[in-house]
N, C-alpha and C. Protein backbone atom coordinates (compact mmCIF):
# COMPACT_ATOMS: atom_id res chain seq x y z
N MET A 1 121.55 180.92 -48.43
CA MET A 1 122.79 180.20 -47.27
C MET A 1 121.20 179.98 -45.87
N SER A 2 121.59 178.79 -45.07
CA SER A 2 120.70 177.77 -44.34
C SER A 2 121.01 178.48 -42.98
N PHE A 3 120.15 178.39 -42.01
CA PHE A 3 120.79 178.32 -40.42
C PHE A 3 121.66 177.16 -40.23
N THR A 4 122.76 177.94 -38.97
CA THR A 4 123.28 176.65 -38.73
C THR A 4 122.31 175.30 -37.66
N ASP A 5 123.59 174.42 -37.55
CA ASP A 5 122.87 173.39 -37.12
C ASP A 5 122.37 173.44 -35.54
N SER A 6 123.12 174.45 -34.58
CA SER A 6 123.49 175.06 -33.35
C SER A 6 122.14 176.13 -33.77
N GLN A 7 121.36 177.21 -34.61
CA GLN A 7 120.64 178.18 -34.55
C GLN A 7 119.28 177.22 -34.85
N LEU A 8 119.13 176.18 -35.53
CA LEU A 8 118.05 175.36 -35.39
C LEU A 8 117.64 174.66 -34.31
N ARG A 9 118.76 173.92 -33.38
CA ARG A 9 118.33 173.48 -32.33
C ARG A 9 117.60 174.67 -31.66
N GLN A 10 118.47 175.33 -31.64
CA GLN A 10 117.67 176.83 -30.37
C GLN A 10 116.69 177.28 -30.56
N LEU A 11 115.66 177.46 -32.41
CA LEU A 11 115.08 178.15 -32.66
C LEU A 11 113.72 177.08 -32.80
N LYS A 12 114.23 175.89 -32.57
CA LYS A 12 113.14 174.59 -32.57
C LYS A 12 113.07 174.25 -30.82
N ALA A 13 113.71 174.69 -29.83
CA ALA A 13 113.89 174.53 -28.85
C ALA A 13 112.73 174.90 -27.73
N GLN A 14 112.37 174.53 -26.66
CA GLN A 14 110.61 174.75 -25.97
C GLN A 14 111.31 176.14 -25.48
N ILE A 15 110.30 177.14 -25.09
CA ILE A 15 110.33 178.46 -24.53
C ILE A 15 110.39 177.85 -22.80
N ARG A 16 111.67 178.97 -22.44
CA ARG A 16 111.99 178.34 -20.72
C ARG A 16 109.95 178.78 -20.22
N PRO A 17 109.61 177.94 -19.20
CA PRO A 17 108.46 178.12 -18.40
C PRO A 17 108.73 179.72 -17.83
N ASP A 18 109.79 179.95 -17.46
CA ASP A 18 110.16 181.24 -16.38
C ASP A 18 109.87 182.78 -17.13
N VAL A 19 110.16 181.96 -18.26
CA VAL A 19 110.76 183.60 -19.18
C VAL A 19 108.90 183.99 -19.73
N VAL A 20 108.27 183.15 -19.68
CA VAL A 20 106.96 183.45 -20.18
C VAL A 20 106.13 184.04 -18.72
N LYS A 21 105.63 185.37 -19.23
CA LYS A 21 104.70 186.22 -18.26
C LYS A 21 103.42 186.38 -18.32
N GLU A 22 102.97 186.93 -17.19
CA GLU A 22 101.01 186.85 -17.68
C GLU A 22 101.02 187.96 -16.86
N ARG A 23 99.58 188.53 -17.36
CA ARG A 23 98.83 189.25 -16.43
C ARG A 23 97.84 189.17 -16.89
N GLU A 24 96.48 189.55 -15.46
CA GLU A 24 95.49 189.79 -16.08
C GLU A 24 94.59 190.94 -16.18
N VAL A 25 93.81 191.12 -17.21
CA VAL A 25 93.20 192.13 -17.89
C VAL A 25 91.58 192.11 -17.80
N GLU A 26 90.68 192.54 -17.14
CA GLU A 26 89.48 192.42 -17.08
C GLU A 26 89.18 191.03 -16.95
N GLY A 27 89.40 190.09 -16.32
CA GLY A 27 89.06 188.73 -16.40
C GLY A 27 89.83 187.94 -16.74
N LYS A 28 90.75 188.15 -17.89
CA LYS A 28 91.05 187.35 -18.82
C LYS A 28 92.93 187.45 -18.91
N VAL A 29 93.35 185.93 -18.57
CA VAL A 29 94.86 185.95 -18.37
C VAL A 29 95.37 185.85 -19.60
N LEU A 30 97.04 187.07 -20.20
CA LEU A 30 97.46 187.34 -20.95
C LEU A 30 98.63 187.15 -20.76
N HIS A 31 99.10 185.82 -21.49
CA HIS A 31 100.69 185.42 -21.96
C HIS A 31 101.57 186.20 -22.67
N TYR A 32 102.42 186.47 -22.17
CA TYR A 32 103.52 187.13 -22.90
C TYR A 32 105.38 186.65 -22.86
N LEU A 33 105.48 187.31 -24.20
CA LEU A 33 107.32 187.32 -23.72
C LEU A 33 107.89 189.05 -23.95
N GLU A 34 108.62 189.24 -22.64
CA GLU A 34 108.93 190.19 -22.59
C GLU A 34 110.32 191.21 -23.84
N GLY A 35 110.13 192.30 -24.23
CA GLY A 35 110.62 192.29 -25.58
C GLY A 35 112.03 192.03 -25.37
N TRP A 36 112.46 192.57 -24.22
CA TRP A 36 113.29 192.89 -24.28
C TRP A 36 114.66 191.19 -24.19
N HIS A 37 114.24 190.18 -23.59
CA HIS A 37 114.23 188.84 -23.77
C HIS A 37 113.98 188.59 -25.12
N VAL A 38 112.65 189.05 -25.98
CA VAL A 38 113.64 188.59 -27.36
C VAL A 38 114.31 189.16 -28.33
N VAL A 39 114.67 190.18 -28.03
CA VAL A 39 116.03 190.62 -28.69
C VAL A 39 117.57 190.33 -27.65
N ALA A 40 117.59 189.71 -27.02
CA ALA A 40 118.47 189.41 -25.82
C ALA A 40 118.68 188.05 -26.95
N GLU A 41 117.53 186.81 -27.13
CA GLU A 41 117.89 185.90 -27.41
C GLU A 41 117.84 185.71 -29.17
N ALA A 42 117.43 187.09 -29.70
CA ALA A 42 118.23 186.86 -31.24
C ALA A 42 119.25 187.47 -31.07
N ASN A 43 119.64 187.94 -30.53
CA ASN A 43 121.07 188.57 -30.55
C ASN A 43 122.10 186.94 -30.14
N ARG A 44 121.91 186.54 -29.34
CA ARG A 44 122.50 185.44 -28.85
C ARG A 44 122.14 184.43 -30.13
N ILE A 45 120.95 184.01 -30.41
CA ILE A 45 121.42 183.05 -32.00
C ILE A 45 121.93 183.30 -33.06
N PHE A 46 121.56 184.65 -33.38
CA PHE A 46 122.18 185.27 -34.79
C PHE A 46 123.25 186.38 -34.49
N GLY A 47 123.82 186.88 -33.92
CA GLY A 47 124.97 187.85 -33.13
C GLY A 47 124.22 189.10 -33.53
N PHE A 48 124.27 189.97 -32.76
CA PHE A 48 123.60 191.61 -32.47
C PHE A 48 123.51 192.42 -33.71
N ASP A 49 124.21 191.84 -34.62
CA ASP A 49 124.16 192.79 -35.96
C ASP A 49 124.15 192.24 -37.23
N ALA A 50 123.36 190.93 -37.03
CA ALA A 50 122.84 189.86 -38.21
C ALA A 50 121.35 189.50 -38.42
N TRP A 51 120.76 190.86 -37.55
CA TRP A 51 119.26 190.42 -38.03
C TRP A 51 118.09 192.04 -37.61
N ASP A 52 117.36 192.04 -38.24
CA ASP A 52 116.77 193.17 -37.88
C ASP A 52 115.32 192.80 -38.15
N ARG A 53 114.54 194.00 -37.57
CA ARG A 53 113.16 194.01 -37.23
C ARG A 53 112.46 194.87 -37.71
N GLU A 54 111.19 194.91 -38.42
CA GLU A 54 110.58 195.88 -38.86
C GLU A 54 108.85 195.98 -38.32
N THR A 55 108.51 196.84 -37.68
CA THR A 55 106.93 197.04 -37.61
C THR A 55 106.24 197.01 -38.97
N VAL A 56 105.34 195.75 -38.60
CA VAL A 56 104.34 195.80 -39.75
C VAL A 56 103.00 196.45 -40.02
N GLN A 57 102.68 196.12 -38.57
CA GLN A 57 101.37 196.68 -38.09
C GLN A 57 101.05 196.75 -36.77
N SER A 58 100.67 197.63 -36.00
CA SER A 58 100.45 197.58 -34.87
C SER A 58 98.86 198.43 -34.50
N GLN A 59 98.01 197.70 -33.71
CA GLN A 59 96.75 198.32 -33.32
C GLN A 59 96.60 198.70 -32.09
N CYS A 60 95.57 199.61 -31.59
CA CYS A 60 95.80 199.08 -30.05
C CYS A 60 94.19 198.61 -30.31
N VAL A 61 93.97 197.42 -29.24
CA VAL A 61 93.17 196.77 -29.15
C VAL A 61 92.69 196.82 -27.58
N TRP A 62 92.87 197.81 -26.91
CA TRP A 62 92.32 197.93 -25.48
C TRP A 62 92.87 199.12 -24.53
N GLN A 63 92.35 200.04 -24.47
CA GLN A 63 92.59 200.91 -23.41
C GLN A 63 91.45 201.58 -22.32
N LYS A 64 92.40 202.04 -21.57
CA LYS A 64 90.77 202.40 -19.84
C LYS A 64 91.80 203.31 -19.47
N GLN A 65 91.19 204.34 -18.64
CA GLN A 65 92.16 205.36 -17.80
C GLN A 65 91.45 204.74 -16.31
N ILE A 66 92.35 204.94 -15.39
CA ILE A 66 92.24 204.25 -14.18
C ILE A 66 92.75 205.26 -13.31
N VAL A 67 91.63 205.76 -12.67
CA VAL A 67 92.13 207.31 -12.22
C VAL A 67 92.76 207.67 -12.71
N TYR A 68 94.13 208.54 -12.81
CA TYR A 68 94.85 209.75 -13.21
C TYR A 68 95.91 209.31 -14.39
N ARG A 69 95.89 207.59 -14.54
CA ARG A 69 96.86 206.46 -15.43
C ARG A 69 95.83 206.38 -16.55
N PHE A 70 96.68 206.26 -17.91
CA PHE A 70 96.16 205.70 -18.77
C PHE A 70 97.07 204.40 -19.28
N ALA A 71 95.86 203.19 -19.18
CA ALA A 71 96.38 201.57 -19.99
C ALA A 71 95.71 201.57 -21.28
N ALA A 72 96.75 200.67 -21.88
CA ALA A 72 96.44 199.96 -23.14
C ALA A 72 97.23 199.23 -23.38
N SER A 73 96.57 198.12 -24.07
CA SER A 73 97.13 196.96 -24.89
C SER A 73 97.44 197.14 -26.53
N TYR A 74 98.51 196.58 -27.20
CA TYR A 74 98.60 196.29 -28.62
C TYR A 74 98.61 195.44 -28.88
N LEU A 75 98.42 195.01 -29.91
CA LEU A 75 98.50 193.65 -30.77
C LEU A 75 99.68 194.43 -32.44
N THR A 76 100.69 193.94 -32.40
CA THR A 76 101.79 194.15 -33.28
C THR A 76 102.25 193.04 -33.80
N ARG A 77 102.19 193.33 -35.24
CA ARG A 77 103.15 192.05 -35.96
C ARG A 77 104.12 192.55 -36.53
N VAL A 78 105.47 191.97 -36.52
CA VAL A 78 106.46 192.43 -36.56
C VAL A 78 107.56 191.12 -37.69
N ARG A 79 107.89 191.86 -38.44
CA ARG A 79 108.55 191.54 -39.75
C ARG A 79 110.08 190.83 -39.19
N ILE A 80 110.85 189.78 -38.65
CA ILE A 80 112.16 189.76 -38.79
C ILE A 80 113.15 189.30 -39.53
N THR A 81 114.44 190.15 -40.02
CA THR A 81 115.03 189.83 -41.42
C THR A 81 115.76 188.83 -40.90
N VAL A 82 116.76 187.80 -41.45
CA VAL A 82 117.89 187.37 -40.65
C VAL A 82 118.96 187.40 -42.12
N ARG A 83 120.47 188.30 -41.88
CA ARG A 83 121.09 188.11 -42.66
C ARG A 83 122.14 186.98 -42.62
N ALA A 84 122.95 186.22 -43.31
CA ALA A 84 123.45 185.56 -43.67
C ALA A 84 124.84 185.80 -44.82
N TRP A 85 125.90 185.94 -44.22
CA TRP A 85 127.01 186.07 -45.21
C TRP A 85 127.57 184.35 -45.59
N SER A 86 128.14 184.97 -46.43
CA SER A 86 128.48 183.22 -47.47
C SER A 86 130.56 183.33 -46.50
N ALA A 87 131.30 182.69 -46.60
CA ALA A 87 132.50 182.88 -46.27
C ALA A 87 133.26 183.18 -47.86
N PRO A 88 134.40 183.58 -47.80
CA PRO A 88 134.86 183.83 -49.60
C PRO A 88 135.88 181.94 -49.45
């Protein structure tokens, strides 16, 4: 079974600029999507119980102690599986 026309349109749509966040780390500007937003979009497009996420790989790419706090950045690869059921 394939995606519906509506799902395909939503998946192909441009990402709204207002949801792309950025931060500066050591002189570099990093762009990212917040996790809660990605989950909300997947729930909206596929349904809250029709997809799964699996962490495939996670690697710390930057860490630093700042006074009494620690900061770190991770590069993480995930696998998204969408379940589709056909009607009887």
